C-alpha atoms as a PDB file:
ATOM      1  CA  UNK A   1     -83.342  -7.509  95.168  1.00  0.00           C
ATOM      2  CA  UNK A   2     -84.234  -4.632  92.874  1.00  0.00           C
ATOM      3  CA  UNK A   3     -81.568  -5.192  90.207  1.00  0.00           C
ATOM      4  CA  UNK A   4     -82.234  -5.111  86.481  1.00  0.00           C
ATOM      5  CA  UNK A   5     -80.166  -7.989  85.137  1.00  0.00           C
ATOM      6  CA  UNK A   6     -79.413  -8.928  81.550  1.00  0.00           C
ATOM      7  CA  UNK A   7     -78.142 -12.457  80.939  1.00  0.00           C
ATOM      8  CA  UNK A   8     -76.122 -11.888  77.776  1.00  0.00           C
ATOM      9  CA  UNK A   9     -74.246 -14.072  75.322  1.00  0.00           C
ATOM     10  CA  UNK A  10     -74.342 -15.574  71.883  1.00  0.00           C
ATOM     11  CA  UNK A  11     -76.976 -18.105  70.901  1.00  0.00           C
ATOM     12  CA  UNK A  12     -76.405 -21.459  72.576  1.00  0.00           C
ATOM     13  CA  UNK A  13     -74.699 -19.981  75.640  1.00  0.00           C
ATOM     14  CA  UNK A  14     -77.567 -20.910  77.947  1.00  0.00           C
ATOM     15  CA  UNK A  15     -79.111 -17.475  78.482  1.00  0.00           C
ATOM     16  CA  UNK A  16     -82.628 -18.851  78.912  1.00  0.00           C
ATOM     17  CA  UNK A  17     -81.632 -21.675  81.236  1.00  0.00           C
ATOM     18  CA  UNK A  18     -79.404 -19.446  83.374  1.00  0.00           C
ATOM     19  CA  UNK A  19     -81.931 -16.601  83.332  1.00  0.00           C
ATOM     20  CA  UNK A  20     -84.804 -18.808  84.507  1.00  0.00           C
ATOM     21  CA  UNK A  21     -82.695 -20.438  87.223  1.00  0.00           C
ATOM     22  CA  UNK A  22     -81.257 -17.101  88.335  1.00  0.00           C
ATOM     23  CA  UNK A  23     -84.777 -15.674  88.513  1.00  0.00           C
ATOM     24  CA  UNK A  24     -85.759 -18.482  90.871  1.00  0.00           C
ATOM     25  CA  UNK A  25     -82.605 -18.040  92.967  1.00  0.00           C
ATOM     26  CA  UNK A  26     -83.111 -14.282  93.323  1.00  0.00           C
ATOM     27  CA  UNK A  27     -86.924 -14.312  93.342  1.00  0.00           C
ATOM     28  CA  UNK A  28     -87.095 -12.072  90.264  1.00  0.00           C
ATOM     29  CA  UNK A  29     -89.246 -12.405  87.143  1.00  0.00           C
ATOM     30  CA  UNK A  30     -87.465 -13.645  84.009  1.00  0.00           C
ATOM     31  CA  UNK A  31     -88.296 -12.859  80.389  1.00  0.00           C
ATOM     32  CA  UNK A  32     -86.590 -14.157  77.274  1.00  0.00           C
ATOM     33  CA  UNK A  33     -85.651 -11.201  75.092  1.00  0.00           C
ATOM     34  CA  UNK A  34     -86.471 -13.281  72.015  1.00  0.00           C
ATOM     35  CA  UNK A  35     -90.121 -12.906  73.013  1.00  0.00           C
ATOM     36  CA  UNK A  36     -89.832  -9.175  72.311  1.00  0.00           C
ATOM     37  CA  UNK A  37     -88.500  -9.609  68.751  1.00  0.00           C
ATOM     38  CA  UNK A  38     -90.877  -8.527  66.004  1.00  0.00           C
ATOM     39  CA  UNK A  39     -91.914 -11.376  63.717  1.00  0.00           C
ATOM     40  CA  UNK A  40     -89.834  -9.907  60.857  1.00  0.00           C
ATOM     41  CA  UNK A  41     -86.658 -10.393  62.914  1.00  0.00           C
ATOM     42  CA  UNK A  42     -87.576 -13.980  63.804  1.00  0.00           C
ATOM     43  CA  UNK A  43     -88.362 -14.761  60.158  1.00  0.00           C
ATOM     44  CA  UNK A  44     -85.046 -13.277  59.035  1.00  0.00           C
ATOM     45  CA  UNK A  45     -83.012 -15.301  61.547  1.00  0.00           C
ATOM     46  CA  UNK A  46     -84.968 -18.478  60.735  1.00  0.00           C
ATOM     47  CA  UNK A  47     -83.854 -18.030  57.119  1.00  0.00           C
ATOM     48  CA  UNK A  48     -80.222 -17.918  58.303  1.00  0.00           C
ATOM     49  CA  UNK A  49     -79.877 -14.170  57.712  1.00  0.00           C
ATOM     50  CA  UNK A  50     -78.112 -12.269  60.506  1.00  0.00           C
ATOM     51  CA  UNK A  51     -79.913  -9.242  61.896  1.00  0.00           C
ATOM     52  CA  UNK A  52     -78.390  -5.859  61.188  1.00  0.00           C
ATOM     53  CA  UNK A  53     -78.337  -2.904  63.548  1.00  0.00           C
ATOM     54  CA  UNK A  54     -81.473  -1.389  61.986  1.00  0.00           C
ATOM     55  CA  UNK A  55     -83.313  -4.625  62.792  1.00  0.00           C
ATOM     56  CA  UNK A  56     -82.087  -4.552  66.382  1.00  0.00           C
ATOM     57  CA  UNK A  57     -82.641  -0.918  67.513  1.00  0.00           C
ATOM     58  CA  UNK A  58     -86.430  -1.140  68.081  1.00  0.00           C
ATOM     59  CA  UNK A  59     -85.991  -4.517  69.807  1.00  0.00           C
ATOM     60  CA  UNK A  60     -83.254  -3.172  72.108  1.00  0.00           C
ATOM     61  CA  UNK A  61     -85.477  -0.193  72.939  1.00  0.00           C
ATOM     62  CA  UNK A  62     -88.245  -2.598  74.007  1.00  0.00           C
ATOM     63  CA  UNK A  63     -85.791  -4.547  76.158  1.00  0.00           C
ATOM     64  CA  UNK A  64     -84.677  -1.409  77.992  1.00  0.00           C
ATOM     65  CA  UNK A  65     -88.272  -0.289  78.460  1.00  0.00           C
ATOM     66  CA  UNK A  66     -89.334  -3.715  79.750  1.00  0.00           C
ATOM     67  CA  UNK A  67     -86.570  -3.631  82.376  1.00  0.00           C
ATOM     68  CA  UNK A  68     -87.212  -0.032  83.366  1.00  0.00           C
ATOM     69  CA  UNK A  69     -90.909  -0.805  83.904  1.00  0.00           C
ATOM     70  CA  UNK A  70     -89.890  -3.204  86.697  1.00  0.00           C
ATOM     71  CA  UNK A  71     -88.505  -1.124  89.567  1.00  0.00           C
ATOM     72  CA  UNK A  72     -88.706  -4.203  91.813  1.00  0.00           C
ATOM     73  CA  UNK A  73     -86.059  -5.827  89.595  1.00  0.00           C
ATOM     74  CA  UNK A  74     -86.132  -8.356  86.776  1.00  0.00           C
ATOM     75  CA  UNK A  75     -83.964 -10.594  84.629  1.00  0.00           C
ATOM     76  CA  UNK A  76     -84.001 -10.623  80.848  1.00  0.00           C
ATOM     77  CA  UNK A  77     -82.088 -12.835  78.423  1.00  0.00           C
ATOM     78  CA  UNK A  78     -80.637 -10.835  75.519  1.00  0.00           C
ATOM     79  CA  UNK A  79     -77.557 -11.400  73.387  1.00  0.00           C
ATOM     80  CA  UNK A  80     -76.343  -7.786  73.924  1.00  0.00           C
ATOM     81  CA  UNK A  81     -73.406  -8.526  71.638  1.00  0.00           C
ATOM     82  CA  UNK A  82     -72.149  -4.977  71.009  1.00  0.00           C
ATOM     83  CA  UNK A  83     -71.333  -2.176  73.388  1.00  0.00           C
ATOM     84  CA  UNK A  84     -73.687   0.058  71.404  1.00  0.00           C
ATOM     85  CA  UNK A  85     -76.522  -2.448  72.011  1.00  0.00           C
ATOM     86  CA  UNK A  86     -75.845  -2.454  75.738  1.00  0.00           C
ATOM     87  CA  UNK A  87     -75.718   1.353  75.671  1.00  0.00           C
ATOM     88  CA  UNK A  88     -79.121   1.391  73.925  1.00  0.00           C
ATOM     89  CA  UNK A  89     -80.592  -0.789  76.692  1.00  0.00           C
ATOM     90  CA  UNK A  90     -79.031   1.482  79.323  1.00  0.00           C
ATOM     91  CA  UNK A  91     -80.763   4.521  77.800  1.00  0.00           C
ATOM     92  CA  UNK A  92     -83.973   3.179  79.376  1.00  0.00           C
ATOM     93  CA  UNK A  93     -82.437   1.041  82.136  1.00  0.00           C
ATOM     94  CA  UNK A  94     -79.233   2.863  83.173  1.00  0.00           C
ATOM     95  CA  UNK A  95     -78.645   0.585  86.153  1.00  0.00           C
ATOM     96  CA  UNK A  96     -78.694  -2.651  84.117  1.00  0.00           C
ATOM     97  CA  UNK A  97     -76.147  -5.272  85.176  1.00  0.00           C
ATOM     98  CA  UNK A  98     -74.834  -7.861  82.707  1.00  0.00           C
ATOM     99  CA  UNK A  99     -74.260 -11.547  83.429  1.00  0.00           C
ATOM    100  CA  UNK A 100     -72.272 -12.658  80.367  1.00  0.00           C
ATOM    101  CA  UNK A 101     -72.436 -16.417  79.813  1.00  0.00           C
ATOM    102  CA  UNK A 102     -69.712 -17.408  77.376  1.00  0.00           C
ATOM    103  CA  UNK A 103     -67.496 -20.281  76.367  1.00  0.00           C
ATOM    104  CA  UNK A 104     -65.672 -22.247  73.724  1.00  0.00           C
ATOM    105  CA  UNK A 105     -66.979 -22.044  70.144  1.00  0.00           C
ATOM    106  CA  UNK A 106     -67.168 -25.836  69.743  1.00  0.00           C
ATOM    107  CA  UNK A 107     -69.267 -26.176  72.895  1.00  0.00           C
ATOM    108  CA  UNK A 108     -71.552 -23.354  71.738  1.00  0.00           C
ATOM    109  CA  UNK A 109     -71.926 -24.927  68.282  1.00  0.00           C
ATOM    110  CA  UNK A 110     -72.750 -28.365  69.694  1.00  0.00           C
ATOM    111  CA  UNK A 111     -75.407 -26.846  71.954  1.00  0.00           C
ATOM    112  CA  UNK A 112     -76.960 -24.924  69.063  1.00  0.00           C
ATOM    113  CA  UNK A 113     -76.936 -28.005  66.837  1.00  0.00           C
ATOM    114  CA  UNK A 114     -78.771 -30.057  69.460  1.00  0.00           C
ATOM    115  CA  UNK A 115     -81.617 -27.571  70.100  1.00  0.00           C
ATOM    116  CA  UNK A 116     -84.822 -28.777  68.476  1.00  0.00           C
ATOM    117  CA  UNK A 117     -87.184 -26.211  67.021  1.00  0.00           C
ATOM    118  CA  UNK A 118     -85.227 -23.026  67.783  1.00  0.00           C
ATOM    119  CA  UNK A 119     -85.414 -20.329  65.115  1.00  0.00           C
ATOM    120  CA  UNK A 120     -81.684 -19.485  65.336  1.00  0.00           C
ATOM    121  CA  UNK A 121     -79.662 -21.891  63.174  1.00  0.00           C
ATOM    122  CA  UNK A 122     -76.164 -22.978  64.237  1.00  0.00           C
ATOM    123  CA  UNK A 123     -74.882 -21.464  60.982  1.00  0.00           C
ATOM    124  CA  UNK A 124     -75.252 -17.983  62.530  1.00  0.00           C
ATOM    125  CA  UNK A 125     -72.928 -18.699  65.486  1.00  0.00           C
ATOM    126  CA  UNK A 126     -69.785 -17.426  63.770  1.00  0.00           C
ATOM    127  CA  UNK A 127     -71.459 -14.144  62.807  1.00  0.00           C
ATOM    128  CA  UNK A 128     -72.519 -13.702  66.429  1.00  0.00           C
ATOM    129  CA  UNK A 129     -69.010 -14.415  67.711  1.00  0.00           C
ATOM    130  CA  UNK A 130     -67.575 -11.932  65.200  1.00  0.00           C
ATOM    131  CA  UNK A 131     -70.067  -9.299  66.388  1.00  0.00           C
ATOM    132  CA  UNK A 132     -69.471  -9.931  70.114  1.00  0.00           C
ATOM    133  CA  UNK A 133     -67.747  -7.082  71.928  1.00  0.00           C
ATOM    134  CA  UNK A 134     -66.719  -8.095  75.458  1.00  0.00           C
ATOM    135  CA  UNK A 135     -67.893  -6.079  78.435  1.00  0.00           C
ATOM    136  CA  UNK A 136     -65.718  -3.035  79.017  1.00  0.00           C
ATOM    137  CA  UNK A 137     -64.189  -2.000  82.354  1.00  0.00           C
ATOM    138  CA  UNK A 138     -66.780   0.767  82.789  1.00  0.00           C
ATOM    139  CA  UNK A 139     -69.741  -1.610  82.300  1.00  0.00           C
ATOM    140  CA  UNK A 140     -71.393  -3.309  85.260  1.00  0.00           C
ATOM    141  CA  UNK A 141     -71.040  -6.968  84.452  1.00  0.00           C
ATOM    142  CA  UNK A 142     -69.070 -10.174  84.718  1.00  0.00           C
ATOM    143  CA  UNK A 143     -68.312 -13.189  82.496  1.00  0.00           C
ATOM    144  CA  UNK A 144     -69.313 -16.707  83.558  1.00  0.00           C
ATOM    145  CA  UNK A 145     -67.856 -19.779  81.798  1.00  0.00           C
ATOM    146  CA  UNK A 146     -70.476 -22.096  80.278  1.00  0.00           C
ATOM    147  CA  UNK A 147     -68.128 -25.068  80.768  1.00  0.00           C
ATOM    148  CA  UNK A 148     -69.380 -24.946  84.367  1.00  0.00           C
ATOM    149  CA  UNK A 149     -72.747 -26.468  85.224  1.00  0.00           C
ATOM    150  CA  UNK A 150     -75.794 -24.185  85.025  1.00  0.00           C
ATOM    151  CA  UNK A 151     -76.244 -24.534  88.793  1.00  0.00           C
ATOM    152  CA  UNK A 152     -72.627 -23.485  89.461  1.00  0.00           C
ATOM    153  CA  UNK A 153     -73.037 -20.489  87.148  1.00  0.00           C
ATOM    154  CA  UNK A 154     -76.281 -19.483  88.875  1.00  0.00           C
ATOM    155  CA  UNK A 155     -74.743 -19.894  92.335  1.00  0.00           C
ATOM    156  CA  UNK A 156     -71.710 -17.788  91.377  1.00  0.00           C
ATOM    157  CA  UNK A 157     -73.807 -15.145  89.615  1.00  0.00           C
ATOM    158  CA  UNK A 158     -76.317 -14.893  92.476  1.00  0.00           C
ATOM    159  CA  UNK A 159     -73.516 -14.434  95.021  1.00  0.00           C
ATOM    160  CA  UNK A 160     -71.850 -11.801  92.844  1.00  0.00           C
ATOM    161  CA  UNK A 161     -75.144  -9.938  92.253  1.00  0.00           C
ATOM    162  CA  UNK A 162     -76.080  -9.953  95.945  1.00  0.00           C
ATOM    163  CA  UNK A 163     -72.710  -8.391  96.756  1.00  0.00           C
ATOM    164  CA  UNK A 164     -72.946  -5.556  94.203  1.00  0.00           C
END
């Protein structure tokens, strides 16, 4: 499979878990988009300060470039909260497909609160949910409910992606 796949969603939605499992299911490399953040962005989020668009543009550029450099296909976890962010990624990777993992705020909050050692505090969840712009009809993507097990999400997403 030569698809460039973004597993998107707010913090706590399971992007990393789903991305890694989906990579195994589809035999594609997975990278966590957080690994491409400059240290200044990580420091800002660790202090409980939401990133602004100026913080995100260079990071989103790197994400698009990372995907585009993998013509054999790849999976990357990235929040991709706004349409403009997804458009920025598509400037470099126009064929990117989005697997949006999403669910109930209380479930997301409990997951974030239980993660040890992650730089993104649960206090930033509401700002992420306020920023989130759902996929539009003209965007290649689909929403998967995080109330389902990770394996069920991966199975459904893999079937959907194979049939694109």
